[in-house]
C-alpha atoms as a PDB file:
ATOM      1  CA  MET A   1     -35.323 -24.528 -41.374  1.00  0.00           C
ATOM      2  CA  LYS A   2     -38.797 -25.903 -42.129  1.00  0.00           C
ATOM      3  CA  PHE A   3     -42.066 -24.103 -41.524  1.00  0.00           C
ATOM      4  CA  SER A   4     -45.498 -25.605 -41.204  1.00  0.00           C
ATOM      5  CA  VAL A   5     -48.633 -24.336 -42.880  1.00  0.00           C
ATOM      6  CA  PRO A   6     -51.901 -24.078 -40.997  1.00  0.00           C
ATOM      7  CA  ASN A   7     -53.924 -27.297 -41.310  1.00  0.00           C
ATOM      8  CA  ASN A   8     -57.054 -25.506 -42.518  1.00  0.00           C
ATOM      9  CA  LEU A   9     -55.655 -24.977 -46.041  1.00  0.00           C
ATOM     10  CA  SER A  10     -55.939 -27.467 -48.886  1.00  0.00           C
ATOM     11  CA  ASN A  11     -52.826 -28.137 -50.963  1.00  0.00           C
ATOM     12  CA  ASN A  12     -54.122 -25.972 -53.832  1.00  0.00           C
ATOM     13  CA  GLN A  13     -54.952 -23.115 -51.485  1.00  0.00           C
ATOM     14  CA  GLU A  14     -51.559 -23.479 -49.824  1.00  0.00           C
ATOM     15  CA  ASP A  15     -49.757 -23.389 -53.178  1.00  0.00           C
ATOM     16  CA  SER A  16     -51.753 -20.365 -54.291  1.00  0.00           C
ATOM     17  CA  ARG A  17     -51.125 -18.457 -51.061  1.00  0.00           C
ATOM     18  CA  LEU A  18     -47.463 -19.442 -51.086  1.00  0.00           C
ATOM     19  CA  ASN A  19     -47.100 -18.150 -54.653  1.00  0.00           C
ATOM     20  CA  GLU A  20     -48.782 -14.898 -53.615  1.00  0.00           C
ATOM     21  CA  MET A  21     -46.301 -14.508 -50.776  1.00  0.00           C
ATOM     22  CA  LYS A  22     -43.356 -15.275 -53.062  1.00  0.00           C
ATOM     23  CA  GLU A  23     -44.569 -12.514 -55.374  1.00  0.00           C
ATOM     24  CA  TYR A  24     -44.902 -10.230 -52.346  1.00  0.00           C
ATOM     25  CA  VAL A  25     -41.270 -10.901 -51.372  1.00  0.00           C
ATOM     26  CA  LYS A  26     -40.148 -10.231 -54.944  1.00  0.00           C
ATOM     27  CA  SER A  27     -42.137  -6.980 -54.962  1.00  0.00           C
ATOM     28  CA  LEU A  28     -40.347  -5.933 -51.750  1.00  0.00           C
ATOM     29  CA  ALA A  29     -37.006  -6.604 -53.433  1.00  0.00           C
ATOM     30  CA  ARG A  30     -38.123  -4.528 -56.444  1.00  0.00           C
ATOM     31  CA  SER A  31     -39.295  -1.659 -54.233  1.00  0.00           C
ATOM     32  CA  GLN A  32     -35.922  -1.696 -52.463  1.00  0.00           C
ATOM     33  CA  LYS A  33     -34.205  -1.671 -55.886  1.00  0.00           C
ATOM     34  CA  LEU A  34     -31.973  -4.567 -54.871  1.00  0.00           C
ATOM     35  CA  ASP A  35     -29.025  -5.528 -57.002  1.00  0.00           C
ATOM     36  CA  VAL A  36     -27.139  -8.816 -57.016  1.00  0.00           C
ATOM     37  CA  GLY A  37     -25.478  -9.461 -53.669  1.00  0.00           C
ATOM     38  CA  TYR A  38     -27.592  -6.962 -51.750  1.00  0.00           C
ATOM     39  CA  CYS A  39     -29.613  -7.985 -48.730  1.00  0.00           C
ATOM     40  CA  ILE A  40     -33.375  -7.520 -48.604  1.00  0.00           C
ATOM     41  CA  THR A  41     -34.389  -5.312 -45.688  1.00  0.00           C
ATOM     42  CA  TRP A  42     -36.935  -6.906 -43.402  1.00  0.00           C
ATOM     43  CA  ASN A  43     -38.284  -3.847 -41.631  1.00  0.00           C
ATOM     44  CA  ILE A  44     -40.857  -5.673 -39.506  1.00  0.00           C
ATOM     45  CA  GLN A  45     -43.042  -2.623 -39.100  1.00  0.00           C
ATOM     46  CA  ASN A  46     -43.330  -2.074 -42.854  1.00  0.00           C
ATOM     47  CA  VAL A  47     -43.480  -5.744 -43.872  1.00  0.00           C
ATOM     48  CA  ASN A  48     -45.995  -7.031 -41.345  1.00  0.00           C
ATOM     49  CA  ILE A  49     -48.319  -4.036 -41.200  1.00  0.00           C
ATOM     50  CA  ASN A  50     -50.091  -5.041 -44.414  1.00  0.00           C
ATOM     51  CA  LEU A  51     -50.132  -8.798 -43.798  1.00  0.00           C
ATOM     52  CA  ASN A  52     -52.859 -10.822 -42.139  1.00  0.00           C
ATOM     53  CA  SER A  53     -51.909 -13.615 -39.742  1.00  0.00           C
ATOM     54  CA  LEU A  54     -52.019 -16.320 -42.431  1.00  0.00           C
ATOM     55  CA  GLN A  55     -49.724 -14.289 -44.680  1.00  0.00           C
ATOM     56  CA  GLN A  56     -47.359 -13.693 -41.763  1.00  0.00           C
ATOM     57  CA  ASP A  57     -47.286 -17.456 -41.160  1.00  0.00           C
ATOM     58  CA  LEU A  58     -46.519 -18.148 -44.843  1.00  0.00           C
ATOM     59  CA  LEU A  59     -43.855 -15.450 -45.248  1.00  0.00           C
ATOM     60  CA  PRO A  60     -40.952 -17.562 -43.899  1.00  0.00           C
ATOM     61  CA  LYS A  61     -41.993 -20.479 -46.108  1.00  0.00           C
ATOM     62  CA  ALA A  62     -42.111 -18.178 -49.151  1.00  0.00           C
ATOM     63  CA  ILE A  63     -38.625 -16.880 -48.386  1.00  0.00           C
ATOM     64  CA  GLU A  64     -37.358 -20.437 -47.952  1.00  0.00           C
ATOM     65  CA  ALA A  65     -38.904 -21.408 -51.310  1.00  0.00           C
ATOM     66  CA  LEU A  66     -37.183 -18.475 -53.042  1.00  0.00           C
ATOM     67  CA  VAL A  67     -33.859 -19.541 -51.517  1.00  0.00           C
ATOM     68  CA  ILE A  68     -34.418 -23.115 -52.754  1.00  0.00           C
ATOM     69  CA  GLU A  69     -35.292 -21.766 -56.224  1.00  0.00           C
ATOM     70  CA  GLY A  70     -32.014 -19.821 -56.225  1.00  0.00           C
ATOM     71  CA  LEU A  71     -33.496 -16.323 -56.313  1.00  0.00           C
ATOM     72  CA  PHE A  72     -32.028 -15.479 -52.915  1.00  0.00           C
ATOM     73  CA  GLU A  73     -29.071 -16.792 -50.989  1.00  0.00           C
ATOM     74  CA  GLU A  74     -29.226 -17.093 -47.218  1.00  0.00           C
ATOM     75  CA  ARG A  75     -26.168 -16.145 -45.178  1.00  0.00           C
ATOM     76  CA  ASN A  76     -26.153 -15.375 -41.451  1.00  0.00           C
ATOM     77  CA  ASP A  77     -29.975 -15.168 -41.384  1.00  0.00           C
ATOM     78  CA  GLN A  78     -29.899 -12.530 -44.140  1.00  0.00           C
ATOM     79  CA  HIS A  79     -31.292 -12.955 -47.662  1.00  0.00           C
ATOM     80  CA  TYR A  80     -29.227 -11.733 -50.601  1.00  0.00           C
ATOM     81  CA  LEU A  81     -30.459 -11.352 -54.157  1.00  0.00           C
ATOM     82  CA  THR A  82     -28.774 -13.639 -56.682  1.00  0.00           C
ATOM     83  CA  GLU A  83     -28.265 -13.043 -60.399  1.00  0.00           C
ATOM     84  CA  LYS A  84     -31.133 -15.454 -61.056  1.00  0.00           C
ATOM     85  CA  GLY A  85     -33.267 -13.472 -58.604  1.00  0.00           C
ATOM     86  CA  LYS A  86     -32.450 -10.203 -60.332  1.00  0.00           C
ATOM     87  CA  MET A  87     -33.493 -11.669 -63.678  1.00  0.00           C
ATOM     88  CA  SER A  88     -36.740 -12.871 -62.102  1.00  0.00           C
ATOM     89  CA  ILE A  89     -37.808  -9.639 -60.431  1.00  0.00           C
ATOM     90  CA  TYR A  90     -36.784  -7.035 -63.019  1.00  0.00           C
END
């Protein structure tokens, strides 16, 4: 699944914002005290309440990037922390 980024961002801005969102996802995993094999909870009310529209647009791309990097594994539209992910967030 590929996600597009709004056209009004330069590549450097996009990379910076994407990295911020990846850190946000990792902070959610930390706050949920995830262990290897556990699924991150995407409580939409709690996740989206603090995000502006640009951040909401980048969130799926950040999650996808973390899956590609091996920090999470995607199964049945759920995202599970990997051993590599645990080492990265704790």
